[in-house]
Protein backbone atom coordinates (compact mmCIF):
# COMPACT_ATOMS: atom_id res chain seq x y z
CA MET A 1 83.78 -20.64 77.89
CA TRP A 2 81.57 -17.71 76.98
CA ARG A 3 80.73 -14.20 78.15
CA ASN A 4 77.25 -14.58 79.63
CA ARG A 5 74.67 -11.90 80.33
CA VAL A 6 72.80 -12.33 83.59
CA ASP A 7 70.86 -9.32 84.89
CA GLY A 8 73.22 -6.98 83.01
CA ALA A 9 76.46 -8.58 84.26
CA ARG A 10 78.83 -9.66 81.42
CA ASP A 11 80.97 -12.27 83.27
CA MET A 12 83.00 -15.16 81.82
CA TRP A 13 81.37 -18.58 82.33
CA SER A 14 82.38 -22.18 81.81
CA ALA A 15 80.44 -24.70 83.87
CA ALA A 16 80.34 -21.95 86.50
CA THR A 17 81.17 -18.25 86.79
CA LEU A 18 84.91 -17.59 86.49
CA GLY A 19 86.71 -15.17 88.78
CA ALA A 20 85.59 -13.30 91.83
CA GLY A 21 84.44 -9.99 90.36
CA THR A 22 81.48 -8.83 88.29
CA TRP A 23 81.45 -6.53 85.28
CA TRP A 24 78.22 -4.58 84.86
CA LEU A 25 78.14 -3.78 81.14
CA LYS A 26 75.12 -3.16 78.93
CA ALA A 27 76.99 -3.89 75.70
CA CYS A 28 79.28 -6.42 74.05
CA PRO A 29 82.84 -6.02 75.39
CA MET A 30 84.37 -6.76 71.93
CA ASP A 31 86.79 -9.39 73.21
CA GLY A 32 86.13 -12.60 75.03
CA GLY A 33 88.30 -14.98 76.96
CA GLN A 34 90.19 -18.14 76.24
CA ILE A 35 90.57 -21.61 77.73
CA VAL A 36 94.09 -23.06 77.74
CA ALA A 37 94.76 -26.79 78.13
CA GLU A 38 97.59 -27.25 80.62
CA ASP A 39 99.31 -30.39 81.83
CA GLY A 40 96.70 -32.00 84.09
CA GLY A 41 94.01 -29.32 83.74
CA PHE A 42 93.12 -26.02 82.19
CA ALA A 43 93.45 -22.29 82.76
CA THR A 44 91.50 -19.28 81.54
CA ILE A 45 92.32 -15.71 80.59
CA TRP A 46 89.87 -12.83 80.12
CA ARG A 47 89.39 -9.13 80.71
CA ARG A 48 86.98 -7.37 83.00
CA SER A 49 86.57 -3.60 83.28
CA GLY A 50 89.84 -2.92 81.46
CA GLU A 51 91.93 -5.42 83.49
CA VAL A 52 93.32 -8.80 82.32
CA PHE A 53 92.81 -11.82 84.60
CA PHE A 54 94.23 -15.37 84.61
CA ASP A 55 92.60 -18.21 86.54
CA ARG A 56 92.84 -21.93 87.19
CA PRO A 57 89.93 -23.91 88.69
CA GLY A 58 90.12 -23.96 92.47
CA GLN A 59 92.55 -21.03 92.64
CA SER A 60 91.99 -17.32 93.07
CA GLU A 61 91.92 -15.21 89.94
CA GLN A 62 95.18 -13.39 89.24
CA LYS A 63 95.02 -9.82 87.95
CA LEU A 64 97.83 -9.47 85.41
CA ALA A 65 97.62 -5.85 84.23
CA PRO A 66 95.41 -3.28 82.53
CA GLY A 67 94.69 -4.33 78.96
CA THR A 68 92.44 -5.75 76.25
CA GLN A 69 92.46 -8.64 73.75
CA PRO A 70 94.00 -11.25 76.12
CA VAL A 71 95.25 -14.56 74.72
CA ALA A 72 97.16 -17.41 76.34
CA GLY A 73 98.92 -20.62 75.49
CA ALA A 74 100.54 -23.51 77.34
CA THR A 75 103.94 -24.99 76.55
CA ALA A 76 105.82 -27.92 78.00
CA LYS A 77 107.17 -25.49 80.64
CA GLY A 78 103.98 -23.63 81.61
CA SER A 79 101.50 -21.00 80.49
CA ILE A 80 102.12 -17.67 78.81
CA ALA A 81 99.77 -14.70 78.45
CA VAL A 82 99.80 -11.86 75.93
CA TRP A 83 97.48 -8.88 75.78
CA GLN A 84 97.20 -5.45 74.27
CA GLN A 85 98.00 -2.43 76.45
CA GLY A 86 96.87 0.93 75.22
CA ALA A 87 96.38 1.34 71.52
CA ASP A 88 99.58 -0.29 70.35
CA ARG A 89 101.58 -2.41 72.82
CA LEU A 90 101.61 -6.09 73.69
CA SER A 91 102.82 -7.38 77.05
CA VAL A 92 103.60 -10.85 78.33
CA SER A 93 103.72 -12.44 81.75
CA PRO A 94 106.25 -15.25 81.28
CA GLY A 95 105.24 -17.33 84.28
CA ASP A 96 107.39 -15.86 87.00
CA SER A 97 107.25 -12.91 89.35
CA ALA A 98 108.81 -10.48 86.85
CA PRO A 99 106.56 -7.62 85.78
CA PRO A 100 104.98 -7.75 82.31
CA ARG A 101 107.16 -6.45 79.51
CA VAL A 102 106.55 -4.86 76.13
CA LEU A 103 106.91 -7.37 73.30
CA ALA A 104 106.07 -5.10 70.36
CA ARG A 105 105.16 -1.51 69.71
CA ASN A 106 102.62 -0.40 67.10
CA ALA A 107 101.10 -3.87 67.51
CA ARG A 108 97.47 -4.84 67.94
CA PHE A 109 95.19 -7.89 68.14
CA PRO A 110 97.58 -10.61 69.39
CA ALA A 111 97.18 -14.31 68.65
CA LEU A 112 99.30 -17.14 70.08
CA ALA A 113 100.10 -20.64 68.90
CA THR A 114 102.15 -23.11 70.88
CA ILE A 115 103.96 -26.13 69.46
CA PRO A 116 102.95 -29.25 71.46
CA ASP A 117 105.55 -30.87 73.73
CA THR A 118 107.95 -27.92 73.37
CA ASP A 119 108.43 -24.47 74.88
CA ARG A 120 108.03 -22.78 71.47
CA VAL A 121 105.46 -19.96 71.20
CA VAL A 122 104.50 -18.17 68.00
CA LEU A 123 103.02 -14.67 68.30
CA ALA A 124 101.04 -13.05 65.50
CA HIS A 125 99.69 -9.50 65.55
CA GLU A 126 98.74 -6.60 63.32
CA ARG A 127 101.12 -3.70 62.70
CA GLY A 128 99.38 -1.07 60.62
CA ALA A 129 98.06 -2.85 57.51
CA ASP A 130 100.55 -5.73 57.91
CA ALA A 131 100.47 -9.02 59.78
CA VAL A 132 103.57 -9.92 61.81
CA VAL A 133 104.41 -13.47 62.90
CA ALA A 134 107.38 -14.15 65.20
CA LEU A 135 108.75 -16.82 67.49
CA LEU A 136 108.94 -15.51 71.07
CA PRO A 137 112.53 -15.43 72.32
CA ASP A 138 111.83 -16.99 75.73
CA SER A 139 109.19 -19.17 77.35
CA PRO A 140 107.54 -19.72 80.72
CA ARG A 141 109.12 -21.82 83.44
CA ARG A 142 107.29 -25.02 84.37
CA GLY A 143 105.01 -24.86 87.38
CA HIS A 144 104.65 -21.09 87.61
CA ALA A 145 101.43 -19.20 87.14
CA THR A 146 101.18 -16.83 84.26
């Protein structure tokens, strides 16, 4: 997956364009997207024009929330998404219909790691000059979109 540049549009591409929208941008957006291996397929997460999107092949893109720096991971129970909102908050969509929630304040540049065959998710982020690493307290439910 990469952020292509075709006639000024900076869209996410894999073997084909991802998502339904177009982002006309004449610069580098400073964060890309991510491919997540799920049970039986894959999913993608990216941002476009200040909004975070999640998508699976053959399904409509899902707008999660305003934000930047989106990352995702897949556990034995489903996918999880984390992104930065504003200058210092991280939010997560835990795979159900609940609205995103704040995971950490004064936190930037999230990274996720999942432990294979479990529902364990490790979140790392910056807080000021420090790096913070924590195990997320809950996980997604199997079969739900992020």
